[in-house]
C-alpha atoms as a PDB file:
ATOM      1  CA  MET A   1     -25.389   1.915   5.373  1.00  0.00           C
ATOM      2  CA  LEU A   2     -25.268   2.887   9.154  1.00  0.00           C
ATOM      3  CA  VAL A   3     -21.878   2.078  10.513  1.00  0.00           C
ATOM      4  CA  VAL A   4     -21.368   2.166  14.300  1.00  0.00           C
ATOM      5  CA  TYR A   5     -17.937   2.371  15.738  1.00  0.00           C
ATOM      6  CA  PRO A   6     -17.870   0.538  19.036  1.00  0.00           C
ATOM      7  CA  ALA A   7     -15.900   2.489  21.632  1.00  0.00           C
ATOM      8  CA  MET A   8     -12.797   1.155  23.041  1.00  0.00           C
ATOM      9  CA  SER A   9     -11.915   1.141  26.871  1.00  0.00           C
ATOM     10  CA  GLN A  10      -8.479   2.160  27.709  1.00  0.00           C
ATOM     11  CA  GLN A  11      -8.117  -1.256  29.282  1.00  0.00           C
ATOM     12  CA  ALA A  12      -9.264  -2.747  26.117  1.00  0.00           C
ATOM     13  CA  LYS A  13      -7.157  -0.992  23.739  1.00  0.00           C
ATOM     14  CA  PRO A  14      -4.225  -2.701  22.153  1.00  0.00           C
ATOM     15  CA  ALA A  15      -1.055  -1.037  22.698  1.00  0.00           C
ATOM     16  CA  LEU A  16       0.965   0.295  19.697  1.00  0.00           C
ATOM     17  CA  ILE A  17       4.636  -0.902  19.867  1.00  0.00           C
ATOM     18  CA  GLU A  18       7.446   0.793  18.379  1.00  0.00           C
ATOM     19  CA  VAL A  19       9.447  -1.600  16.162  1.00  0.00           C
ATOM     20  CA  ALA A  20      12.110   0.565  14.532  1.00  0.00           C
ATOM     21  CA  SER A  21      12.997   4.152  14.130  1.00  0.00           C
ATOM     22  CA  PHE A  22      14.730   5.638  10.969  1.00  0.00           C
ATOM     23  CA  GLY A  23      15.756   9.250  11.883  1.00  0.00           C
ATOM     24  CA  LYS A  24      14.638  11.509   8.835  1.00  0.00           C
ATOM     25  CA  SER A  25      14.446   8.532   6.424  1.00  0.00           C
ATOM     26  CA  GLN A  26      10.671   8.295   5.552  1.00  0.00           C
ATOM     27  CA  PRO A  27       9.398   4.458   5.441  1.00  0.00           C
ATOM     28  CA  ILE A  28       6.599   3.768   2.961  1.00  0.00           C
ATOM     29  CA  GLY A  29       6.339  -0.009   2.132  1.00  0.00           C
ATOM     30  CA  VAL A  30       6.066  -2.624   4.926  1.00  0.00           C
ATOM     31  CA  ALA A  31       5.820  -6.510   4.420  1.00  0.00           C
ATOM     32  CA  VAL A  32       6.181  -9.290   6.779  1.00  0.00           C
ATOM     33  CA  ALA A  33       7.016 -12.813   5.298  1.00  0.00           C
ATOM     34  CA  PRO A  34       4.258 -15.114   6.603  1.00  0.00           C
ATOM     35  CA  ALA A  35       6.337 -18.279   7.169  1.00  0.00           C
ATOM     36  CA  THR A  36       9.365 -16.609   8.864  1.00  0.00           C
ATOM     37  CA  ASN A  37       7.957 -13.233  10.292  1.00  0.00           C
ATOM     38  CA  ARG A  38      11.099 -11.585   8.423  1.00  0.00           C
ATOM     39  CA  LEU A  39      10.066  -7.687   8.337  1.00  0.00           C
ATOM     40  CA  PHE A  40      10.976  -5.558   5.329  1.00  0.00           C
ATOM     41  CA  VAL A  41      10.699  -1.621   5.060  1.00  0.00           C
ATOM     42  CA  SER A  42      11.254   0.302   2.019  1.00  0.00           C
ATOM     43  CA  PHE A  43      11.976   4.113   1.535  1.00  0.00           C
ATOM     44  CA  PRO A  44      11.069   6.369  -1.366  1.00  0.00           C
ATOM     45  CA  HIS A  45      14.048   8.192  -2.967  1.00  0.00           C
ATOM     46  CA  ARG A  46      13.820  11.389  -0.797  1.00  0.00           C
ATOM     47  CA  ASP A  47      16.636  12.991   1.043  1.00  0.00           C
ATOM     48  CA  PRO A  48      18.077  12.018   3.446  1.00  0.00           C
ATOM     49  CA  PHE A  49      18.316   8.628   1.336  1.00  0.00           C
ATOM     50  CA  VAL A  50      20.172   5.638   2.683  1.00  0.00           C
ATOM     51  CA  TYR A  51      18.617   2.487   1.244  1.00  0.00           C
ATOM     52  CA  ALA A  52      15.653   1.738  -0.674  1.00  0.00           C
ATOM     53  CA  LEU A  53      14.511  -1.682   0.670  1.00  0.00           C
ATOM     54  CA  THR A  54      15.807  -3.016   3.806  1.00  0.00           C
ATOM     55  CA  GLU A  55      15.145  -5.804   6.252  1.00  0.00           C
ATOM     56  CA  ILE A  56      14.823  -5.071   9.831  1.00  0.00           C
ATOM     57  CA  VAL A  57      17.365  -7.241  11.731  1.00  0.00           C
ATOM     58  CA  ASN A  58      17.446  -6.717  15.546  1.00  0.00           C
ATOM     59  CA  GLY A  59      15.653  -3.500  15.174  1.00  0.00           C
ATOM     60  CA  LYS A  60      17.846  -1.999  12.425  1.00  0.00           C
ATOM     61  CA  PRO A  61      17.498  -1.641   8.690  1.00  0.00           C
ATOM     62  CA  VAL A  62      19.843  -3.649   6.486  1.00  0.00           C
ATOM     63  CA  PRO A  63      20.060  -3.143   2.871  1.00  0.00           C
ATOM     64  CA  PHE A  64      18.142  -5.977   0.912  1.00  0.00           C
ATOM     65  CA  PRO A  65      18.761  -8.199  -0.790  1.00  0.00           C
ATOM     66  CA  ASP A  66      22.379  -6.500  -0.811  1.00  0.00           C
ATOM     67  CA  LYS A  67      23.988  -3.050  -0.909  1.00  0.00           C
ATOM     68  CA  GLU A  68      24.488  -3.344  -4.685  1.00  0.00           C
ATOM     69  CA  TRP A  69      20.702  -3.424  -5.491  1.00  0.00           C
ATOM     70  CA  ASN A  70      20.351  -0.236  -3.074  1.00  0.00           C
ATOM     71  CA  LYS A  71      22.898   1.941  -4.949  1.00  0.00           C
ATOM     72  CA  PHE A  72      21.003   4.796  -6.827  1.00  0.00           C
ATOM     73  CA  ILE A  73      22.063   4.346 -10.441  1.00  0.00           C
ATOM     74  CA  PRO A  74      18.678   5.281 -12.410  1.00  0.00           C
ATOM     75  CA  GLU A  75      20.295   4.443 -16.020  1.00  0.00           C
ATOM     76  CA  GLN A  76      20.819   0.881 -14.489  1.00  0.00           C
ATOM     77  CA  ASP A  77      17.147   0.405 -13.261  1.00  0.00           C
ATOM     78  CA  ASP A  78      17.005  -3.354 -14.253  1.00  0.00           C
ATOM     79  CA  THR A  79      19.388  -4.320 -11.594  1.00  0.00           C
ATOM     80  CA  HIS A  80      19.011  -1.385  -9.048  1.00  0.00           C
ATOM     81  CA  PHE A  81      16.106  -0.028  -7.026  1.00  0.00           C
ATOM     82  CA  VAL A  82      15.144   3.619  -7.972  1.00  0.00           C
ATOM     83  CA  ASN A  83      11.982   4.617  -6.134  1.00  0.00           C
ATOM     84  CA  VAL A  84      10.413   1.717  -4.181  1.00  0.00           C
ATOM     85  CA  GLN A  85       6.954   2.091  -3.469  1.00  0.00           C
ATOM     86  CA  ASP A  86       5.081  -0.905  -2.282  1.00  0.00           C
ATOM     87  CA  LEU A  87       6.037  -4.419  -1.005  1.00  0.00           C
ATOM     88  CA  TYR A  88       4.039  -7.760  -0.758  1.00  0.00           C
ATOM     89  CA  ALA A  89       5.272 -10.902   0.922  1.00  0.00           C
ATOM     90  CA  ASP A  90       3.375 -13.934  -0.637  1.00  0.00           C
ATOM     91  CA  ASP A  91       2.384 -17.374   0.372  1.00  0.00           C
ATOM     92  CA  LYS A  92       5.451 -18.886  -1.648  1.00  0.00           C
ATOM     93  CA  ASN A  93       8.030 -17.196   0.422  1.00  0.00           C
ATOM     94  CA  CYS A  94       8.891 -14.523  -1.939  1.00  0.00           C
ATOM     95  CA  LEU A  95       9.155 -10.769  -1.682  1.00  0.00           C
ATOM     96  CA  TRP A  96       7.674  -8.589  -4.309  1.00  0.00           C
ATOM     97  CA  VAL A  97       8.912  -4.942  -4.859  1.00  0.00           C
ATOM     98  CA  LEU A  98       7.116  -2.459  -6.927  1.00  0.00           C
ATOM     99  CA  ASP A  99       9.582   0.304  -8.097  1.00  0.00           C
ATOM    100  CA  PRO A 100       7.877   3.024 -10.326  1.00  0.00           C
ATOM    101  CA  LYS A 101       9.721   6.133 -11.014  1.00  0.00           C
ATOM    102  CA  PRO A 102       9.005   8.894 -12.126  1.00  0.00           C
ATOM    103  CA  ALA A 103       5.152   8.242 -12.233  1.00  0.00           C
ATOM    104  CA  GLY A 104       3.025   9.880 -14.713  1.00  0.00           C
ATOM    105  CA  ASN A 105       5.247  10.837 -17.644  1.00  0.00           C
ATOM    106  CA  ALA A 106       6.669   9.583 -20.903  1.00  0.00           C
ATOM    107  CA  ASN A 107       9.986   8.898 -19.157  1.00  0.00           C
ATOM    108  CA  SER A 108       8.352   6.718 -16.445  1.00  0.00           C
ATOM    109  CA  LYS A 109       9.939   3.350 -15.643  1.00  0.00           C
ATOM    110  CA  PHE A 110       8.103   0.767 -13.668  1.00  0.00           C
ATOM    111  CA  LYS A 111       9.330  -2.628 -12.397  1.00  0.00           C
ATOM    112  CA  LEU A 112       8.027  -5.477 -10.183  1.00  0.00           C
ATOM    113  CA  VAL A 113      10.845  -7.343  -8.626  1.00  0.00           C
ATOM    114  CA  LYS A 114      10.646 -10.898  -7.296  1.00  0.00           C
ATOM    115  CA  ILE A 115      12.924 -11.901  -4.708  1.00  0.00           C
ATOM    116  CA  ASP A 116      12.972 -15.578  -3.512  1.00  0.00           C
ATOM    117  CA  LEU A 117      13.520 -15.330   0.459  1.00  0.00           C
ATOM    118  CA  ASN A 118      14.924 -18.749   0.606  1.00  0.00           C
ATOM    119  CA  ASP A 119      17.975 -17.464  -0.844  1.00  0.00           C
ATOM    120  CA  ASN A 120      17.587 -14.012  -0.804  1.00  0.00           C
ATOM    121  CA  LYS A 121      18.169 -13.829  -4.828  1.00  0.00           C
ATOM    122  CA  VAL A 122      16.225 -11.878  -7.275  1.00  0.00           C
ATOM    123  CA  LYS A 123      14.351 -14.117  -9.603  1.00  0.00           C
ATOM    124  CA  GLN A 124      12.370 -12.069 -11.944  1.00  0.00           C
ATOM    125  CA  VAL A 125      11.677  -8.703 -13.197  1.00  0.00           C
ATOM    126  CA  TYR A 126       8.456  -7.169 -14.642  1.00  0.00           C
ATOM    127  CA  LYS A 127       8.732  -4.186 -16.780  1.00  0.00           C
ATOM    128  CA  PHE A 128       5.351  -3.176 -17.846  1.00  0.00           C
ATOM    129  CA  ASP A 129       5.990  -2.651 -21.295  1.00  0.00           C
ATOM    130  CA  ASP A 130       2.271  -2.375 -22.402  1.00  0.00           C
ATOM    131  CA  ILE A 131       1.563   0.237 -19.965  1.00  0.00           C
ATOM    132  CA  ASP A 132       0.880   3.925 -20.874  1.00  0.00           C
ATOM    133  CA  LYS A 133       3.484   5.290 -18.703  1.00  0.00           C
ATOM    134  CA  SER A 134       2.673   8.922 -19.612  1.00  0.00           C
ATOM    135  CA  LYS A 135      -0.747   8.390 -17.717  1.00  0.00           C
ATOM    136  CA  SER A 136       0.169   5.366 -15.329  1.00  0.00           C
ATOM    137  CA  ALA A 137       1.138   5.838 -11.730  1.00  0.00           C
ATOM    138  CA  LEU A 138       1.396   2.105 -10.247  1.00  0.00           C
ATOM    139  CA  ASN A 139       1.006   2.408  -6.536  1.00  0.00           C
ATOM    140  CA  ASP A 140       0.177  -0.844  -4.563  1.00  0.00           C
ATOM    141  CA  MET A 141      -0.078  -4.444  -5.536  1.00  0.00           C
ATOM    142  CA  CYS A 142      -0.974  -8.067  -4.393  1.00  0.00           C
ATOM    143  CA  ILE A 143       0.138 -11.355  -5.813  1.00  0.00           C
ATOM    144  CA  ASP A 144      -2.433 -14.143  -6.455  1.00  0.00           C
ATOM    145  CA  ASN A 145       0.021 -17.267  -7.125  1.00  0.00           C
ATOM    146  CA  SER A 146      -3.199 -19.210  -7.454  1.00  0.00           C
ATOM    147  CA  LYS A 147      -4.006 -17.669 -10.711  1.00  0.00           C
ATOM    148  CA  GLN A 148      -0.482 -16.380 -11.534  1.00  0.00           C
ATOM    149  CA  LEU A 149      -1.456 -12.885 -11.487  1.00  0.00           C
ATOM    150  CA  ALA A 150      -0.648  -9.505  -9.822  1.00  0.00           C
ATOM    151  CA  TYR A 151      -3.395  -6.968  -9.209  1.00  0.00           C
ATOM    152  CA  LEU A 152      -2.133  -3.277  -8.920  1.00  0.00           C
ATOM    153  CA  SER A 153      -3.768   0.125  -8.030  1.00  0.00           C
ATOM    154  CA  ASP A 154      -2.961   2.913 -10.980  1.00  0.00           C
ATOM    155  CA  PRO A 155      -4.248   5.959  -9.503  1.00  0.00           C
ATOM    156  CA  GLY A 156      -2.891   7.734 -12.559  1.00  0.00           C
ATOM    157  CA  GLN A 157      -5.076   5.622 -14.677  1.00  0.00           C
ATOM    158  CA  HIS A 158      -7.841   5.578 -12.280  1.00  0.00           C
ATOM    159  CA  ALA A 159      -7.912   1.797 -12.878  1.00  0.00           C
ATOM    160  CA  ILE A 160      -6.671  -1.655 -11.702  1.00  0.00           C
ATOM    161  CA  VAL A 161      -3.910  -3.115 -13.509  1.00  0.00           C
ATOM    162  CA  VAL A 162      -3.806  -7.041 -14.141  1.00  0.00           C
ATOM    163  CA  LEU A 163      -0.394  -8.303 -14.686  1.00  0.00           C
ATOM    164  CA  ASP A 164      -0.025 -11.959 -16.001  1.00  0.00           C
ATOM    165  CA  LEU A 165       3.029 -13.455 -14.212  1.00  0.00           C
ATOM    166  CA  LYS A 166       3.481 -15.964 -16.741  1.00  0.00           C
ATOM    167  CA  THR A 167       3.515 -13.868 -19.878  1.00  0.00           C
ATOM    168  CA  GLY A 168       4.260 -10.456 -18.316  1.00  0.00           C
ATOM    169  CA  LYS A 169       1.328  -8.867 -20.238  1.00  0.00           C
ATOM    170  CA  SER A 170      -0.938  -6.428 -18.357  1.00  0.00           C
ATOM    171  CA  ARG A 171      -4.608  -5.351 -18.788  1.00  0.00           C
ATOM    172  CA  VAL A 172      -6.329  -2.222 -17.553  1.00  0.00           C
ATOM    173  CA  VAL A 173      -9.497  -2.893 -15.922  1.00  0.00           C
ATOM    174  CA  LEU A 174     -12.347  -0.901 -14.343  1.00  0.00           C
ATOM    175  CA  LYS A 175     -10.831   2.551 -15.508  1.00  0.00           C
ATOM    176  CA  ASP A 176     -12.720   5.580 -14.575  1.00  0.00           C
ATOM    177  CA  ASP A 177     -15.165   3.201 -12.685  1.00  0.00           C
ATOM    178  CA  LYS A 178     -17.090   4.975  -9.766  1.00  0.00           C
ATOM    179  CA  ALA A 179     -15.223   2.518  -7.486  1.00  0.00           C
ATOM    180  CA  THR A 180     -11.656   3.515  -8.763  1.00  0.00           C
ATOM    181  CA  VAL A 181     -12.103   7.460  -9.105  1.00  0.00           C
ATOM    182  CA  ALA A 182     -11.820   9.925  -6.088  1.00  0.00           C
ATOM    183  CA  GLN A 183     -14.993  11.530  -4.922  1.00  0.00           C
ATOM    184  CA  PRO A 184     -15.171  14.979  -6.363  1.00  0.00           C
ATOM    185  CA  GLY A 185     -14.653  17.780  -3.945  1.00  0.00           C
ATOM    186  CA  LEU A 186     -13.711  15.442  -1.277  1.00  0.00           C
ATOM    187  CA  LYS A 187     -10.680  16.880   0.588  1.00  0.00           C
ATOM    188  CA  LEU A 188      -8.112  15.312   3.242  1.00  0.00           C
ATOM    189  CA  HIS A 189      -8.478  17.436   6.461  1.00  0.00           C
ATOM    190  CA  LEU A 190      -5.920  16.552   8.907  1.00  0.00           C
ATOM    191  CA  ASP A 191      -4.363  18.130  12.003  1.00  0.00           C
ATOM    192  CA  GLY A 192      -6.915  20.658  11.799  1.00  0.00           C
ATOM    193  CA  LYS A 193      -6.438  21.664   8.053  1.00  0.00           C
ATOM    194  CA  ASP A 194      -6.785  20.848   4.542  1.00  0.00           C
ATOM    195  CA  VAL A 195      -3.929  18.966   2.930  1.00  0.00           C
ATOM    196  CA  VAL A 196      -2.764  21.229   0.080  1.00  0.00           C
ATOM    197  CA  ASP A 197       0.505  21.765  -1.707  1.00  0.00           C
ATOM    198  CA  GLU A 198       2.499  24.968  -2.114  1.00  0.00           C
ATOM    199  CA  GLN A 199       0.268  25.940  -5.022  1.00  0.00           C
ATOM    200  CA  GLY A 200      -3.017  25.517  -3.228  1.00  0.00           C
ATOM    201  CA  ASN A 201      -3.630  22.177  -4.883  1.00  0.00           C
ATOM    202  CA  PRO A 202      -5.422  19.767  -2.598  1.00  0.00           C
ATOM    203  CA  PHE A 203      -3.791  16.355  -2.259  1.00  0.00           C
ATOM    204  CA  VAL A 204      -5.876  13.870  -4.258  1.00  0.00           C
ATOM    205  CA  SER A 205      -5.556  10.095  -5.220  1.00  0.00           C
ATOM    206  CA  ASN A 206      -7.941   7.697  -7.007  1.00  0.00           C
ATOM    207  CA  VAL A 207      -7.861   4.216  -6.374  1.00  0.00           C
ATOM    208  CA  ASN A 208      -4.845   3.450  -4.118  1.00  0.00           C
ATOM    209  CA  GLY A 209      -4.891   1.102  -1.278  1.00  0.00           C
ATOM    210  CA  ILE A 210      -5.823  -2.608  -2.036  1.00  0.00           C
ATOM    211  CA  ALA A 211      -5.969  -5.736  -0.322  1.00  0.00           C
ATOM    212  CA  LEU A 212      -6.285  -9.451  -1.262  1.00  0.00           C
ATOM    213  CA  THR A 213      -7.613 -12.170   0.937  1.00  0.00           C
ATOM    214  CA  LYS A 214      -5.728 -15.125   1.835  1.00  0.00           C
ATOM    215  CA  ASP A 215      -7.802 -17.520  -0.093  1.00  0.00           C
ATOM    216  CA  ASN A 216      -7.387 -15.423  -3.086  1.00  0.00           C
ATOM    217  CA  LYS A 217     -11.258 -15.082  -3.532  1.00  0.00           C
ATOM    218  CA  TYR A 218     -11.669 -11.204  -3.101  1.00  0.00           C
ATOM    219  CA  PHE A 219      -9.989  -8.287  -4.023  1.00  0.00           C
ATOM    220  CA  TYR A 220     -10.487  -5.026  -1.969  1.00  0.00           C
ATOM    221  CA  PHE A 221      -9.967  -1.601  -3.191  1.00  0.00           C
ATOM    222  CA  ARG A 222     -10.601   1.899  -2.754  1.00  0.00           C
ATOM    223  CA  ALA A 223      -9.711   5.718  -3.673  1.00  0.00           C
ATOM    224  CA  ILE A 224      -7.969   7.812  -0.948  1.00  0.00           C
ATOM    225  CA  ASN A 225     -10.257  10.807  -1.478  1.00  0.00           C
ATOM    226  CA  GLN A 226     -13.248   8.306  -1.211  1.00  0.00           C
ATOM    227  CA  THR A 227     -15.269   7.004   1.820  1.00  0.00           C
ATOM    228  CA  LYS A 228     -16.337   3.737   0.348  1.00  0.00           C
ATOM    229  CA  LEU A 229     -14.805   0.267   0.703  1.00  0.00           C
ATOM    230  CA  TYR A 230     -15.290  -2.064  -2.452  1.00  0.00           C
ATOM    231  CA  ARG A 231     -14.678  -5.476  -3.454  1.00  0.00           C
ATOM    232  CA  ILE A 232     -14.584  -7.972  -6.404  1.00  0.00           C
ATOM    233  CA  GLU A 233     -13.961 -11.583  -6.792  1.00  0.00           C
ATOM    234  CA  THR A 234     -10.531 -12.430  -8.388  1.00  0.00           C
ATOM    235  CA  ALA A 235     -12.260 -14.844 -10.579  1.00  0.00           C
ATOM    236  CA  TYR A 236     -13.811 -11.861 -12.496  1.00  0.00           C
ATOM    237  CA  LEU A 237     -10.531  -9.954 -12.742  1.00  0.00           C
ATOM    238  CA  ALA A 238      -8.716 -13.138 -13.960  1.00  0.00           C
ATOM    239  CA  ASP A 239     -11.458 -13.327 -17.015  1.00  0.00           C
ATOM    240  CA  SER A 240     -10.116 -11.481 -19.748  1.00  0.00           C
ATOM    241  CA  THR A 241     -13.385 -11.653 -21.804  1.00  0.00           C
ATOM    242  CA  LEU A 242     -15.256  -9.614 -19.458  1.00  0.00           C
ATOM    243  CA  THR A 243     -15.358  -5.827 -20.490  1.00  0.00           C
ATOM    244  CA  ASP A 244     -15.216  -3.048 -17.888  1.00  0.00           C
ATOM    245  CA  ALA A 245     -18.871  -2.831 -17.742  1.00  0.00           C
ATOM    246  CA  ASP A 246     -19.257  -6.499 -16.926  1.00  0.00           C
ATOM    247  CA  LEU A 247     -16.633  -6.138 -14.175  1.00  0.00           C
ATOM    248  CA  SER A 248     -18.320  -2.999 -12.798  1.00  0.00           C
ATOM    249  CA  ALA A 249     -21.414  -4.793 -12.334  1.00  0.00           C
ATOM    250  CA  LYS A 250     -19.743  -7.464 -10.394  1.00  0.00           C
ATOM    251  CA  VAL A 251     -18.368  -4.577  -7.728  1.00  0.00           C
ATOM    252  CA  GLU A 252     -19.673  -4.751  -4.454  1.00  0.00           C
ATOM    253  CA  LEU A 253     -19.905  -1.972  -1.946  1.00  0.00           C
ATOM    254  CA  VAL A 254     -18.462  -3.539   1.322  1.00  0.00           C
ATOM    255  CA  ALA A 255     -18.699  -0.650   3.827  1.00  0.00           C
ATOM    256  CA  GLU A 256     -18.458   3.077   4.739  1.00  0.00           C
ATOM    257  CA  THR A 257     -15.088   3.485   6.231  1.00  0.00           C
ATOM    258  CA  GLY A 258     -13.854   7.215   5.793  1.00  0.00           C
ATOM    259  CA  ILE A 259     -10.705   8.087   4.375  1.00  0.00           C
ATOM    260  CA  CYS A 260      -8.009   5.358   4.009  1.00  0.00           C
ATOM    261  CA  HIS A 261      -4.361   4.804   2.537  1.00  0.00           C
ATOM    262  CA  GLY A 262      -3.082   1.393   3.150  1.00  0.00           C
ATOM    263  CA  MET A 263      -4.962  -1.970   3.362  1.00  0.00           C
ATOM    264  CA  ILE A 264      -4.202  -5.572   4.144  1.00  0.00           C
ATOM    265  CA  ALA A 265      -6.066  -8.899   4.720  1.00  0.00           C
ATOM    266  CA  ASP A 266      -5.679 -11.408   7.622  1.00  0.00           C
ATOM    267  CA  ASN A 267      -6.165 -15.008   7.498  1.00  0.00           C
ATOM    268  CA  LYS A 268      -9.698 -14.793   9.179  1.00  0.00           C
ATOM    269  CA  GLY A 269     -10.898 -12.465   6.504  1.00  0.00           C
ATOM    270  CA  ASN A 270     -10.675  -9.411   8.289  1.00  0.00           C
ATOM    271  CA  ILE A 271      -9.654  -6.151   6.233  1.00  0.00           C
ATOM    272  CA  TYR A 272      -7.352  -3.552   7.899  1.00  0.00           C
ATOM    273  CA  LEU A 273      -7.414   0.184   6.870  1.00  0.00           C
ATOM    274  CA  SER A 274      -5.681   3.098   7.840  1.00  0.00           C
ATOM    275  CA  ASP A 275      -7.612   6.248   9.159  1.00  0.00           C
ATOM    276  CA  SER A 276      -5.724   9.132   9.179  1.00  0.00           C
ATOM    277  CA  PRO A 277      -8.314  11.579  10.528  1.00  0.00           C
ATOM    278  CA  ASP A 278      -8.642   9.449  13.645  1.00  0.00           C
ATOM    279  CA  HIS A 279      -5.176   8.633  14.001  1.00  0.00           C
ATOM    280  CA  ALA A 280      -6.441   5.168  13.946  1.00  0.00           C
ATOM    281  CA  ILE A 281      -6.560   1.542  12.317  1.00  0.00           C
ATOM    282  CA  GLN A 282     -10.051   0.203  11.566  1.00  0.00           C
ATOM    283  CA  TYR A 283     -10.847  -3.257  10.317  1.00  0.00           C
ATOM    284  CA  VAL A 284     -13.787  -4.702   8.458  1.00  0.00           C
ATOM    285  CA  THR A 285     -14.991  -8.054   9.406  1.00  0.00           C
ATOM    286  CA  PRO A 286     -16.240 -10.706   6.783  1.00  0.00           C
ATOM    287  CA  ASP A 287     -20.023  -9.794   7.888  1.00  0.00           C
ATOM    288  CA  LYS A 288     -18.926  -6.055   6.751  1.00  0.00           C
ATOM    289  CA  GLN A 289     -18.827  -4.543  10.241  1.00  0.00           C
ATOM    290  CA  VAL A 290     -16.569  -1.875  10.919  1.00  0.00           C
ATOM    291  CA  HIS A 291     -14.401  -1.662  14.161  1.00  0.00           C
ATOM    292  CA  PHE A 292     -11.332   0.209  15.486  1.00  0.00           C
ATOM    293  CA  LEU A 293      -8.298  -1.737  16.333  1.00  0.00           C
ATOM    294  CA  VAL A 294      -6.063   0.904  17.683  1.00  0.00           C
ATOM    295  CA  LYS A 295      -6.311   4.684  18.086  1.00  0.00           C
ATOM    296  CA  ASP A 296      -3.025   6.569  18.899  1.00  0.00           C
ATOM    297  CA  GLU A 297      -1.718   9.956  18.153  1.00  0.00           C
ATOM    298  CA  ARG A 298       1.529   8.579  16.895  1.00  0.00           C
ATOM    299  CA  LEU A 299      -0.483   7.274  13.878  1.00  0.00           C
ATOM    300  CA  ILE A 300       0.155  10.206  11.485  1.00  0.00           C
ATOM    301  CA  TRP A 301      -0.725   9.059   7.875  1.00  0.00           C
ATOM    302  CA  PRO A 302      -0.236   5.206   8.625  1.00  0.00           C
ATOM    303  CA  ASP A 303       0.454   3.907   5.383  1.00  0.00           C
ATOM    304  CA  SER A 304       1.441   0.431   4.707  1.00  0.00           C
ATOM    305  CA  PHE A 305       0.781  -2.807   6.439  1.00  0.00           C
ATOM    306  CA  GLY A 306       2.287  -6.446   7.128  1.00  0.00           C
ATOM    307  CA  ILE A 307       0.940  -9.354   9.057  1.00  0.00           C
ATOM    308  CA  GLY A 308       3.319 -11.672  10.955  1.00  0.00           C
ATOM    309  CA  ASN A 309       2.798 -15.065  12.125  1.00  0.00           C
ATOM    310  CA  ASP A 310       3.266 -13.793  15.797  1.00  0.00           C
ATOM    311  CA  GLY A 311      -0.278 -12.274  15.784  1.00  0.00           C
ATOM    312  CA  TYR A 312       0.709  -8.725  15.048  1.00  0.00           C
ATOM    313  CA  LEU A 313      -0.070  -6.203  12.566  1.00  0.00           C
ATOM    314  CA  TYR A 314       2.971  -4.142  11.496  1.00  0.00           C
ATOM    315  CA  LEU A 315       2.760  -0.562   9.713  1.00  0.00           C
ATOM    316  CA  SER A 316       4.563   2.463   8.980  1.00  0.00           C
ATOM    317  CA  SER A 317       3.618   6.163   9.840  1.00  0.00           C
ATOM    318  CA  SER A 318       4.523   8.207   6.824  1.00  0.00           C
ATOM    319  CA  GLN A 319       3.558  11.396   8.054  1.00  0.00           C
ATOM    320  CA  MET A 320       2.893  12.534   4.591  1.00  0.00           C
ATOM    321  CA  ASN A 321       0.846  15.438   5.527  1.00  0.00           C
ATOM    322  CA  ARG A 322       3.354  16.723   7.620  1.00  0.00           C
ATOM    323  CA  LEU A 323       5.990  17.167   4.726  1.00  0.00           C
ATOM    324  CA  PRO A 324       6.983  20.822   3.758  1.00  0.00           C
ATOM    325  CA  LYS A 325       5.254  20.281   0.565  1.00  0.00           C
ATOM    326  CA  PHE A 326       1.787  20.457   2.241  1.00  0.00           C
ATOM    327  CA  ASN A 327       2.847  22.962   5.092  1.00  0.00           C
ATOM    328  CA  ASN A 328       4.127  26.002   3.112  1.00  0.00           C
ATOM    329  CA  GLY A 329       7.618  24.744   3.203  1.00  0.00           C
ATOM    330  CA  GLN A 330       7.767  24.173   6.962  1.00  0.00           C
ATOM    331  CA  ASP A 331       8.827  20.693   7.933  1.00  0.00           C
ATOM    332  CA  LYS A 332       6.287  19.513  10.677  1.00  0.00           C
ATOM    333  CA  VAL A 333       7.401  15.964  10.925  1.00  0.00           C
ATOM    334  CA  GLU A 334       7.604  14.422  14.218  1.00  0.00           C
ATOM    335  CA  TYR A 335      10.910  12.684  13.962  1.00  0.00           C
ATOM    336  CA  PRO A 336      12.295  10.056  13.901  1.00  0.00           C
ATOM    337  CA  PHE A 337      10.167   8.276  11.598  1.00  0.00           C
ATOM    338  CA  ARG A 338       8.869   4.794  12.846  1.00  0.00           C
ATOM    339  CA  VAL A 339       7.328   1.372  12.181  1.00  0.00           C
ATOM    340  CA  TYR A 340       5.086   0.002  14.900  1.00  0.00           C
ATOM    341  CA  LYS A 341       3.221  -3.024  15.277  1.00  0.00           C
ATOM    342  CA  VAL A 342      -0.127  -3.618  17.248  1.00  0.00           C
ATOM    343  CA  LYS A 343      -1.786  -7.072  18.550  1.00  0.00           C
ATOM    344  CA  LEU A 344      -4.439  -8.363  15.923  1.00  0.00           C
ATOM    345  CA  PRO A 345      -8.010  -8.963  17.474  1.00  0.00           C
END
């Protein structure tokens, strides 16, 4: 598929606007409540750790839903955040919080927390008791209230996890599918160098970024170490009688987009994707055309998105590739960490 990236003139280029800064605390998850435009930002448990989950009020992070949930008490993981990974604000005015730690071993504990934004109270906690935690590494999630399902990317299992919100039971689907595995040999090359750790191991992630259209019809997904964007109709994911082979036949190739981390859909059916190599945000229109929304050198590993009712896309710049782990112990992060917004097309 030939993809033409339209050039953006300086006049037409949307401005990247700083919304909040966080010193040396690394923002990962971002969500915006569609009804109220409340902005939420999460932070992994990494020094210097202040809060796991915050609401941005007048440009400042405030612990959410309260300080107690943000106390780091791993042995009380049912009632305290441990290592918040992803956020999702649904169409029922609820905030969903994915909290997996540590991923990929027998002692892993995962939870998905539902918070009602009408009273800021935790309403339910899902624990994924039927997931093989020695292999799983839940990463991103979307909530489909029309089917009472959650869809989660699981790069550890090279699969999608479908969680039944009524029963709490999970299914692992599309495991080891060509659409969920990293492309062999494809390395992330950022800032003029390959992203490799202290042992010389390249950064690799299988299925990671995901997005759900606002009508809940299509679920988009892709690996970080992959150049292709895929989608499948959620009606197929909801059908527990379909085998992985059946589901694989229903997967559509949408577009060639290059390297991407996070994704989100707007109410027009556009899919926004991060683009670390180009310090950019792309979007794919419903007719499967790829465009640039914004290019800016401050977009260093843009990671997670939220869309407000004010016509803006909100996003974190996680600078993951600038961490000491990927730079022979040298900290190359440009502080402070920030969250930005940019006008939607």
